[in-house]
């Protein structure tokens, strides 16, 4: 009798775990359509790098929009990644002319120095310069990289729109 109860409980636990695993959908690659070498179908170390770069990209988009609103009083949905228009030419332009080159350049630079510790010189509230370890591709989104990349995004957008 006890074996049947244990077997029943075990079956319930296995069934619940299987149901939970099915409910949890795989997140898309953080750099799919940007610089993922496997077009979003990456795994292992590649997926880890893509997800970390993707987290930085998401933070860069948010910071660029924040700076855009402060400087110009409006925001660009394409830059924010919030545009819902299918096949939007603005989104395509921002992606191909701004985000792909900037992220590709940053990822390649950090991959070249991956085994080295890279640091940023950052000024604190008192104006004193201190060194901060770069966490881009090695951990959470790196705040100095996000700030630097968001400035580069705004500069590149201004260049693009001043040409037209």
Foldseek 3Di string as FASTA:
>chain_A
DVVVVVVVVVVVVVVVVVVVVVVDDDDFFLQQVQDQPVNRPDDDLSSLLRNLLSLLQQLLLVVLQVVCCVVPVHGDCLSNVNDDDPPDPVVVCLRPQQRNVLSVVVSVVCVVVVVPWDWDFDADPVRDTDIGTQCRSPDHHGVVSSVVSSVSSVVSVVVVVVVD
